[in-house]
C-alpha atoms as a PDB file:
ATOM      1  CA  MET A   1      36.910  -4.711  12.054  1.00  0.00           C
ATOM      2  CA  SER A   2      35.848  -8.205  10.912  1.00  0.00           C
ATOM      3  CA  ARG A   3      35.312  -8.580   7.223  1.00  0.00           C
ATOM      4  CA  ASP A   4      31.873 -10.293   7.861  1.00  0.00           C
ATOM      5  CA  LEU A   5      30.893  -7.189  10.028  1.00  0.00           C
ATOM      6  CA  TYR A   6      30.024  -4.824   7.062  1.00  0.00           C
ATOM      7  CA  PRO A   7      27.433  -7.151   5.244  1.00  0.00           C
ATOM      8  CA  THR A   8      26.212  -8.059   8.777  1.00  0.00           C
ATOM      9  CA  MET A   9      25.619  -4.438   9.576  1.00  0.00           C
ATOM     10  CA  THR A  10      23.891  -3.901   5.906  1.00  0.00           C
ATOM     11  CA  ALA A  11      21.879  -6.710   6.990  1.00  0.00           C
ATOM     12  CA  ALA A  12      20.797  -5.316  10.212  1.00  0.00           C
ATOM     13  CA  THR A  13      19.857  -2.240   8.652  1.00  0.00           C
ATOM     14  CA  ALA A  14      17.724  -4.044   5.899  1.00  0.00           C
ATOM     15  CA  ALA A  15      16.007  -6.099   8.490  1.00  0.00           C
ATOM     16  CA  MET A  16      15.205  -2.513  10.601  1.00  0.00           C
ATOM     17  CA  GLU A  17      13.868  -1.085   7.254  1.00  0.00           C
ATOM     18  CA  LYS A  18      11.609  -4.139   6.592  1.00  0.00           C
ATOM     19  CA  MET A  19      10.318  -4.337   9.950  1.00  0.00           C
ATOM     20  CA  ASN A  20       9.300  -0.397   9.441  1.00  0.00           C
ATOM     21  CA  TYR A  21       7.225  -1.776   6.343  1.00  0.00           C
ATOM     22  CA  ILE A  22       5.479  -4.151   8.621  1.00  0.00           C
ATOM     23  CA  SER A  23       5.007  -2.034  11.336  1.00  0.00           C
ATOM     24  CA  ASN A  24       3.037   0.366   9.201  1.00  0.00           C
ATOM     25  CA  ASN A  25       1.219  -2.312   7.518  1.00  0.00           C
ATOM     26  CA  LEU A  26      -0.164  -3.653  10.794  1.00  0.00           C
ATOM     27  CA  ALA A  27      -1.188  -0.043  11.917  1.00  0.00           C
ATOM     28  CA  ASN A  28      -3.207   0.329   8.897  1.00  0.00           C
ATOM     29  CA  MET A  29      -4.955  -3.054   9.560  1.00  0.00           C
ATOM     30  CA  ASN A  30      -8.399  -1.106  10.124  1.00  0.00           C
ATOM     31  CA  THR A  31      -8.041   1.742   7.669  1.00  0.00           C
ATOM     32  CA  VAL A  32     -10.289   1.650   4.728  1.00  0.00           C
ATOM     33  CA  GLY A  33      -8.853   1.002   1.305  1.00  0.00           C
ATOM     34  CA  PHE A  34      -5.279   0.543   2.844  1.00  0.00           C
ATOM     35  CA  ARG A  35      -2.949  -1.585   0.451  1.00  0.00           C
ATOM     36  CA  ALA A  36      -0.060  -3.156   2.009  1.00  0.00           C
ATOM     37  CA  ARG A  37       3.269  -2.625   0.883  1.00  0.00           C
ATOM     38  CA  GLU A  38       5.573  -5.407   0.984  1.00  0.00           C
ATOM     39  CA  VAL A  39       9.289  -6.003   0.926  1.00  0.00           C
ATOM     40  CA  THR A  40      11.316  -9.115   0.719  1.00  0.00           C
ATOM     41  CA  PHE A  41      15.570  -9.581   1.474  1.00  0.00           C
ATOM     42  CA  GLU A  42      17.441 -10.174  -1.293  1.00  0.00           C
ATOM     43  CA  ASN A  43      21.332 -10.745  -2.015  1.00  0.00           C
ATOM     44  CA  VAL A  44      22.990  -7.811  -3.866  1.00  0.00           C
ATOM     45  CA  LEU A  45      26.507  -8.537  -5.428  1.00  0.00           C
ATOM     46  CA  THR A  46      29.261  -6.097  -5.154  1.00  0.00           C
ATOM     47  CA  GLU A  47      31.346  -4.931  -7.996  1.00  0.00           C
ATOM     48  CA  SER A  48      33.344  -8.132  -7.940  1.00  0.00           C
ATOM     49  CA  GLY A  49      30.357 -10.334  -8.881  1.00  0.00           C
ATOM     50  CA  LEU A  50      31.057 -12.769  -6.332  1.00  0.00           C
ATOM     51  CA  LEU A  51      28.284 -14.088  -4.174  1.00  0.00           C
ATOM     52  CA  GLY A  52      30.770 -14.174  -1.217  1.00  0.00           C
ATOM     53  CA  ASP A  53      30.862 -10.379  -1.792  1.00  0.00           C
ATOM     54  CA  SER A  54      27.413  -9.731  -1.612  1.00  0.00           C
ATOM     55  CA  TYR A  55      25.231  -8.225   0.984  1.00  0.00           C
ATOM     56  CA  VAL A  56      21.438  -8.230   1.926  1.00  0.00           C
ATOM     57  CA  ASP A  57      19.139  -5.258   1.339  1.00  0.00           C
ATOM     58  CA  ILE A  58      15.147  -5.093   0.771  1.00  0.00           C
ATOM     59  CA  SER A  59      13.415  -5.178  -2.385  1.00  0.00           C
ATOM     60  CA  GLU A  60      11.478  -2.419  -3.776  1.00  0.00           C
ATOM     61  CA  PRO A  61       8.247  -2.108  -1.940  1.00  0.00           C
ATOM     62  CA  GLU A  62       5.609  -3.827  -3.886  1.00  0.00           C
ATOM     63  CA  LEU A  63       1.802  -2.868  -3.419  1.00  0.00           C
ATOM     64  CA  SER A  64      -0.078  -5.613  -2.380  1.00  0.00           C
ATOM     65  CA  LYS A  65      -2.775  -6.748  -4.768  1.00  0.00           C
ATOM     66  CA  ARG A  66      -5.096  -8.725  -2.662  1.00  0.00           C
ATOM     67  CA  ASP A  67      -8.386  -7.900  -2.079  1.00  0.00           C
ATOM     68  CA  GLY A  68      -9.488  -6.475   1.326  1.00  0.00           C
ATOM     69  CA  GLY A  69     -12.493  -7.596   3.266  1.00  0.00           C
ATOM     70  CA  ILE A  70     -15.637  -6.158   2.298  1.00  0.00           C
ATOM     71  CA  VAL A  71     -18.095  -4.709   4.758  1.00  0.00           C
ATOM     72  CA  ASN A  72     -21.564  -4.138   3.898  1.00  0.00           C
ATOM     73  CA  ASP A  73     -23.079  -0.903   5.518  1.00  0.00           C
ATOM     74  CA  ASN A  74     -26.025  -0.037   3.372  1.00  0.00           C
ATOM     75  CA  VAL A  75     -24.657   3.371   2.818  1.00  0.00           C
ATOM     76  CA  SER A  76     -25.290   4.266  -0.685  1.00  0.00           C
ATOM     77  CA  THR A  77     -22.291   6.485  -1.411  1.00  0.00           C
ATOM     78  CA  HIS A  78     -20.298   4.070   0.070  1.00  0.00           C
ATOM     79  CA  MET A  79     -18.562   1.714  -2.686  1.00  0.00           C
ATOM     80  CA  ALA A  80     -16.223  -1.128  -2.707  1.00  0.00           C
ATOM     81  CA  LEU A  81     -13.773  -2.778  -5.436  1.00  0.00           C
ATOM     82  CA  ARG A  82     -13.176  -6.187  -6.013  1.00  0.00           C
ATOM     83  CA  GLY A  83     -10.310  -7.066  -8.432  1.00  0.00           C
ATOM     84  CA  GLU A  84      -8.375  -4.677 -10.490  1.00  0.00           C
ATOM     85  CA  GLY A  85      -8.345  -1.123 -10.441  1.00  0.00           C
ATOM     86  CA  PHE A  86      -8.772   2.187  -8.224  1.00  0.00           C
ATOM     87  CA  PHE A  87     -11.527   4.930  -7.812  1.00  0.00           C
ATOM     88  CA  ALA A  88      -9.904   8.093  -9.846  1.00  0.00           C
ATOM     89  CA  ILE A  89     -10.539  11.202  -7.930  1.00  0.00           C
ATOM     90  CA  GLU A  90      -9.306  14.745  -8.286  1.00  0.00           C
ATOM     91  CA  SER A  91      -6.982  16.198  -5.285  1.00  0.00           C
ATOM     92  CA  ALA A  92      -7.296  19.745  -3.941  1.00  0.00           C
ATOM     93  CA  ASP A  93      -4.675  20.861  -6.446  1.00  0.00           C
ATOM     94  CA  GLY A  94      -6.550  19.308  -9.539  1.00  0.00           C
ATOM     95  CA  GLU A  95      -4.298  16.288  -9.916  1.00  0.00           C
ATOM     96  CA  THR A  96      -6.233  13.156 -10.769  1.00  0.00           C
ATOM     97  CA  VAL A  97      -5.026  10.455  -7.887  1.00  0.00           C
ATOM     98  CA  LEU A  98      -6.116   7.007  -7.488  1.00  0.00           C
ATOM     99  CA  THR A  99      -7.579   5.216  -4.301  1.00  0.00           C
ATOM    100  CA  ARG A 100      -9.543   2.026  -3.168  1.00  0.00           C
ATOM    101  CA  SER A 101     -11.287   4.054  -0.200  1.00  0.00           C
ATOM    102  CA  GLY A 102     -14.924   4.356  -1.413  1.00  0.00           C
ATOM    103  CA  ASN A 103     -16.296   5.871   1.853  1.00  0.00           C
ATOM    104  CA  PHE A 104     -17.866   8.498  -0.413  1.00  0.00           C
ATOM    105  CA  GLN A 105     -20.315  11.311   0.490  1.00  0.00           C
ATOM    106  CA  LEU A 106     -22.202  14.192  -0.858  1.00  0.00           C
ATOM    107  CA  ASN A 107     -21.054  17.711  -0.472  1.00  0.00           C
ATOM    108  CA  ASP A 108     -23.617  20.475  -0.471  1.00  0.00           C
ATOM    109  CA  ASN A 109     -23.256  20.834  -4.285  1.00  0.00           C
ATOM    110  CA  GLY A 110     -24.636  17.031  -4.809  1.00  0.00           C
ATOM    111  CA  GLU A 111     -21.197  16.383  -5.632  1.00  0.00           C
ATOM    112  CA  LEU A 112     -19.897  12.738  -4.733  1.00  0.00           C
ATOM    113  CA  VAL A 113     -16.622  13.482  -2.637  1.00  0.00           C
ATOM    114  CA  THR A 114     -14.170  11.662  -0.406  1.00  0.00           C
ATOM    115  CA  PRO A 115     -14.262  12.587   3.270  1.00  0.00           C
ATOM    116  CA  ALA A 116     -11.553  14.800   2.545  1.00  0.00           C
ATOM    117  CA  GLY A 117     -13.830  16.735   0.214  1.00  0.00           C
ATOM    118  CA  GLU A 118     -12.097  15.770  -2.750  1.00  0.00           C
ATOM    119  CA  ILE A 119     -14.150  15.168  -5.825  1.00  0.00           C
ATOM    120  CA  VAL A 120     -14.740  11.638  -7.375  1.00  0.00           C
ATOM    121  CA  LEU A 121     -14.393  11.237 -11.039  1.00  0.00           C
ATOM    122  CA  GLY A 122     -16.786   9.450 -13.593  1.00  0.00           C
ATOM    123  CA  LEU A 123     -16.434   9.308 -17.078  1.00  0.00           C
ATOM    124  CA  ASN A 124     -17.868  12.918 -17.794  1.00  0.00           C
ATOM    125  CA  GLY A 125     -15.564  14.436 -14.880  1.00  0.00           C
ATOM    126  CA  PRO A 126     -17.249  15.216 -11.316  1.00  0.00           C
ATOM    127  CA  ILE A 127     -20.130  13.204 -10.394  1.00  0.00           C
ATOM    128  CA  VAL A 128     -23.172  15.604  -9.642  1.00  0.00           C
ATOM    129  CA  PHE A 129     -26.467  14.435  -8.276  1.00  0.00           C
ATOM    130  CA  LEU A 130     -29.288  16.607  -8.445  1.00  0.00           C
ATOM    131  CA  PRO A 131     -31.940  16.548  -5.570  1.00  0.00           C
ATOM    132  CA  GLU A 132     -34.349  14.255  -7.127  1.00  0.00           C
ATOM    133  CA  GLN A 133     -31.602  11.815  -8.278  1.00  0.00           C
ATOM    134  CA  LYS A 134     -29.995  11.084  -4.839  1.00  0.00           C
ATOM    135  CA  ASP A 135     -31.963   7.973  -4.885  1.00  0.00           C
ATOM    136  CA  PHE A 136     -29.634   5.757  -7.111  1.00  0.00           C
ATOM    137  CA  THR A 137     -27.880   2.521  -8.009  1.00  0.00           C
ATOM    138  CA  VAL A 138     -24.507   1.739  -8.905  1.00  0.00           C
ATOM    139  CA  THR A 139     -24.185  -1.353 -11.170  1.00  0.00           C
ATOM    140  CA  ALA A 140     -21.077  -3.899 -11.023  1.00  0.00           C
ATOM    141  CA  ASP A 141     -19.567  -2.308 -13.785  1.00  0.00           C
ATOM    142  CA  GLY A 142     -19.594   1.336 -12.109  1.00  0.00           C
ATOM    143  CA  ARG A 143     -22.752   2.686 -14.205  1.00  0.00           C
ATOM    144  CA  ILE A 144     -24.510   5.258 -11.830  1.00  0.00           C
ATOM    145  CA  MET A 145     -28.247   4.780 -12.639  1.00  0.00           C
ATOM    146  CA  ASP A 146     -31.065   7.342 -11.231  1.00  0.00           C
ATOM    147  CA  PHE A 147     -34.518   5.815  -9.889  1.00  0.00           C
ATOM    148  CA  LEU A 148     -35.701   5.878 -13.073  1.00  0.00           C
ATOM    149  CA  GLY A 149     -32.788   3.300 -14.581  1.00  0.00           C
ATOM    150  CA  SER A 150     -31.304   6.007 -16.584  1.00  0.00           C
ATOM    151  CA  GLU A 151     -27.706   6.097 -16.555  1.00  0.00           C
ATOM    152  CA  MET A 152     -26.237   9.258 -15.254  1.00  0.00           C
ATOM    153  CA  ASP A 153     -22.537   8.563 -15.304  1.00  0.00           C
ATOM    154  CA  GLN A 154     -20.021   5.736 -14.765  1.00  0.00           C
ATOM    155  CA  LEU A 155     -17.393   5.813 -12.197  1.00  0.00           C
ATOM    156  CA  MET A 156     -13.817   6.059 -13.704  1.00  0.00           C
ATOM    157  CA  ILE A 157     -12.156   3.019 -12.526  1.00  0.00           C
ATOM    158  CA  MET A 158      -8.641   3.298 -13.412  1.00  0.00           C
ATOM    159  CA  ASN A 159      -5.340   0.829 -13.342  1.00  0.00           C
ATOM    160  CA  GLY A 160      -1.959   2.437 -12.606  1.00  0.00           C
ATOM    161  CA  ASP A 161       1.545   2.124 -12.971  1.00  0.00           C
ATOM    162  CA  GLY A 162       4.327   3.302 -11.035  1.00  0.00           C
ATOM    163  CA  LEU A 163       2.210   4.167  -7.831  1.00  0.00           C
ATOM    164  CA  THR A 164       3.851   6.472  -5.548  1.00  0.00           C
ATOM    165  CA  PRO A 165       1.594   6.362  -2.052  1.00  0.00           C
ATOM    166  CA  LEU A 166       0.371   9.781  -0.984  1.00  0.00           C
ATOM    167  CA  GLU A 167      -1.491  10.730   2.370  1.00  0.00           C
ATOM    168  CA  GLY A 168      -5.057   9.465   2.974  1.00  0.00           C
ATOM    169  CA  GLN A 169      -4.711   6.223   1.104  1.00  0.00           C
ATOM    170  CA  ARG A 170      -4.246   7.868  -2.285  1.00  0.00           C
ATOM    171  CA  TYR A 171      -1.672   7.077  -4.854  1.00  0.00           C
ATOM    172  CA  ARG A 172      -0.045   8.965  -7.545  1.00  0.00           C
ATOM    173  CA  ALA A 173       0.484   7.045 -10.981  1.00  0.00           C
ATOM    174  CA  GLU A 174       3.255   7.380 -13.525  1.00  0.00           C
ATOM    175  CA  GLU A 175       0.614   6.007 -16.162  1.00  0.00           C
ATOM    176  CA  MET A 176      -3.339   5.552 -16.002  1.00  0.00           C
ATOM    177  CA  ALA A 177      -5.412   3.609 -18.199  1.00  0.00           C
ATOM    178  CA  GLN A 178      -9.151   2.449 -17.787  1.00  0.00           C
ATOM    179  CA  ALA A 179      -9.363  -0.929 -16.240  1.00  0.00           C
ATOM    180  CA  PRO A 180     -10.808  -3.273 -18.661  1.00  0.00           C
ATOM    181  CA  GLU A 181     -14.504  -4.525 -18.380  1.00  0.00           C
ATOM    182  CA  GLY A 182     -14.943  -7.691 -16.427  1.00  0.00           C
ATOM    183  CA  SER A 183     -11.619  -7.118 -14.837  1.00  0.00           C
ATOM    184  CA  PHE A 184     -13.515  -5.381 -11.343  1.00  0.00           C
ATOM    185  CA  GLU A 185     -16.589  -5.361  -9.732  1.00  0.00           C
ATOM    186  CA  VAL A 186     -18.210  -2.424  -7.835  1.00  0.00           C
ATOM    187  CA  ILE A 187     -20.063  -3.225  -4.678  1.00  0.00           C
ATOM    188  CA  GLN A 188     -22.764  -0.346  -3.705  1.00  0.00           C
ATOM    189  CA  GLY A 189     -23.472  -0.081   0.073  1.00  0.00           C
ATOM    190  CA  ALA A 190     -20.103  -1.712   0.976  1.00  0.00           C
ATOM    191  CA  ILE A 191     -16.428  -0.652   1.867  1.00  0.00           C
ATOM    192  CA  GLU A 192     -13.206  -2.522   1.264  1.00  0.00           C
ATOM    193  CA  ASN A 193     -11.096  -2.852   4.229  1.00  0.00           C
ATOM    194  CA  SER A 194      -7.449  -2.842   4.619  1.00  0.00           C
ATOM    195  CA  ASN A 195      -5.742  -5.698   2.674  1.00  0.00           C
ATOM    196  CA  VAL A 196      -3.221  -6.575   5.265  1.00  0.00           C
ATOM    197  CA  ASP A 197      -2.992 -10.271   6.047  1.00  0.00           C
ATOM    198  CA  ALA A 198      -2.815  -9.980   9.934  1.00  0.00           C
ATOM    199  CA  PHE A 199      -1.661 -13.594  10.681  1.00  0.00           C
ATOM    200  CA  LYS A 200       1.001 -13.391   7.798  1.00  0.00           C
ATOM    201  CA  THR A 201       2.150 -10.002   8.927  1.00  0.00           C
ATOM    202  CA  MET A 202       2.644 -10.971  12.252  1.00  0.00           C
ATOM    203  CA  LEU A 203       4.599 -13.980  11.667  1.00  0.00           C
ATOM    204  CA  ASP A 204       6.916 -11.929   9.019  1.00  0.00           C
ATOM    205  CA  LEU A 205       7.184  -9.341  12.051  1.00  0.00           C
ATOM    206  CA  ILE A 206       8.550 -12.071  14.529  1.00  0.00           C
ATOM    207  CA  GLN A 207      10.925 -13.786  11.814  1.00  0.00           C
ATOM    208  CA  THR A 208      12.470 -10.443  10.901  1.00  0.00           C
ATOM    209  CA  SER A 209      12.824  -9.303  14.508  1.00  0.00           C
ATOM    210  CA  ARG A 210      14.642 -12.601  15.436  1.00  0.00           C
ATOM    211  CA  ALA A 211      16.943 -12.088  12.118  1.00  0.00           C
ATOM    212  CA  PHE A 212      17.724  -8.485  13.539  1.00  0.00           C
ATOM    213  CA  GLU A 213      18.460  -9.544  17.206  1.00  0.00           C
ATOM    214  CA  GLY A 214      20.689 -12.264  16.088  1.00  0.00           C
ATOM    215  CA  LEU A 215      22.719  -9.744  13.600  1.00  0.00           C
ATOM    216  CA  GLN A 216      23.010  -7.544  16.594  1.00  0.00           C
ATOM    217  CA  LYS A 217      24.376 -10.460  18.535  1.00  0.00           C
ATOM    218  CA  PHE A 218      26.730 -11.302  15.803  1.00  0.00           C
ATOM    219  CA  MET A 219      28.099  -7.602  15.761  1.00  0.00           C
ATOM    220  CA  MET A 220      28.480  -7.562  19.367  1.00  0.00           C
ATOM    221  CA  ASN A 221      30.416 -10.755  19.392  1.00  0.00           C
ATOM    222  CA  SER A 222      32.514  -9.619  16.474  1.00  0.00           C
ATOM    223  CA  LYS A 223      33.462  -6.127  18.090  1.00  0.00           C
ATOM    224  CA  GLU A 224      34.442  -7.934  21.693  1.00  0.00           C
ATOM    225  CA  LEU A 225      36.481 -10.522  19.377  1.00  0.00           C
ATOM    226  CA  ASP A 226      38.065  -7.320  17.420  1.00  0.00           C
ATOM    227  CA  SER A 227      38.788  -5.726  20.953  1.00  0.00           C
ATOM    228  CA  SER A 228      40.012  -8.956  22.682  1.00  0.00           C
ATOM    229  CA  MET A 229      42.472  -9.460  19.629  1.00  0.00           C
ATOM    230  CA  ILE A 230      43.899  -5.727  19.454  1.00  0.00           C
ATOM    231  CA  ASN A 231      44.554  -6.209  23.462  1.00  0.00           C
ATOM    232  CA  SER A 232      46.411  -9.481  22.929  1.00  0.00           C
ATOM    233  CA  VAL A 233      48.616  -7.860  20.377  1.00  0.00           C
ATOM    234  CA  LYS A 234      49.350  -4.636  22.880  1.00  0.00           C
ATOM    235  CA  LYS A 235      50.161  -7.016  25.639  1.00  0.00           C
ATOM    236  CA  SER A 236      52.535  -9.309  23.203  1.00  0.00           C
ATOM    237  CA  GLY A 237      54.137  -5.859  21.995  1.00  0.00           C
END
């Protein structure tokens, strides 16, 4: 096998993995609160430490911090975020997880929940509305005010480190801390769309696909050359 074939194979594998991430981003272009996961190619040195003995891999996926587009729908329980932070919600098994999907609703108990029924958390725990409190407003800093202007609770907006994607545009964080005041804005009556940059992502897909095709051709040519050399040796023998 050609000495160049192994790094070419690893580069082709990296290109295929990158295309999987790109395809998933494109598939979620219209998913509320979706955050793109982005990867880049990088050279990895072998134990020799020489650049000539390096191979290509992809970086660890990074969650894009770009804001998604805001769509105003005037649904009072819908909320969008600009800037830092995530909404904190309580999963079905009691774990606190994070999301940017703010298409919330009220359940039969008057609790603010996700479409899957998971509880949206405020600083005082679950956010609960009495029948007479269902006329409410949410300020830019996440304070929930009743129709008389009294503060009922405040949305728990959290930053997270070491985020692991879960189903339903949710994330588990290794560490969480309350987002600093002024680092975010809550917009009531709106939702945040996916933050996938369609043009940039399509361009990245085209470039990565071309790179993959080029690597495939190189491997095929290398295999044919190896076969030709083996046949030549057999004939000369």
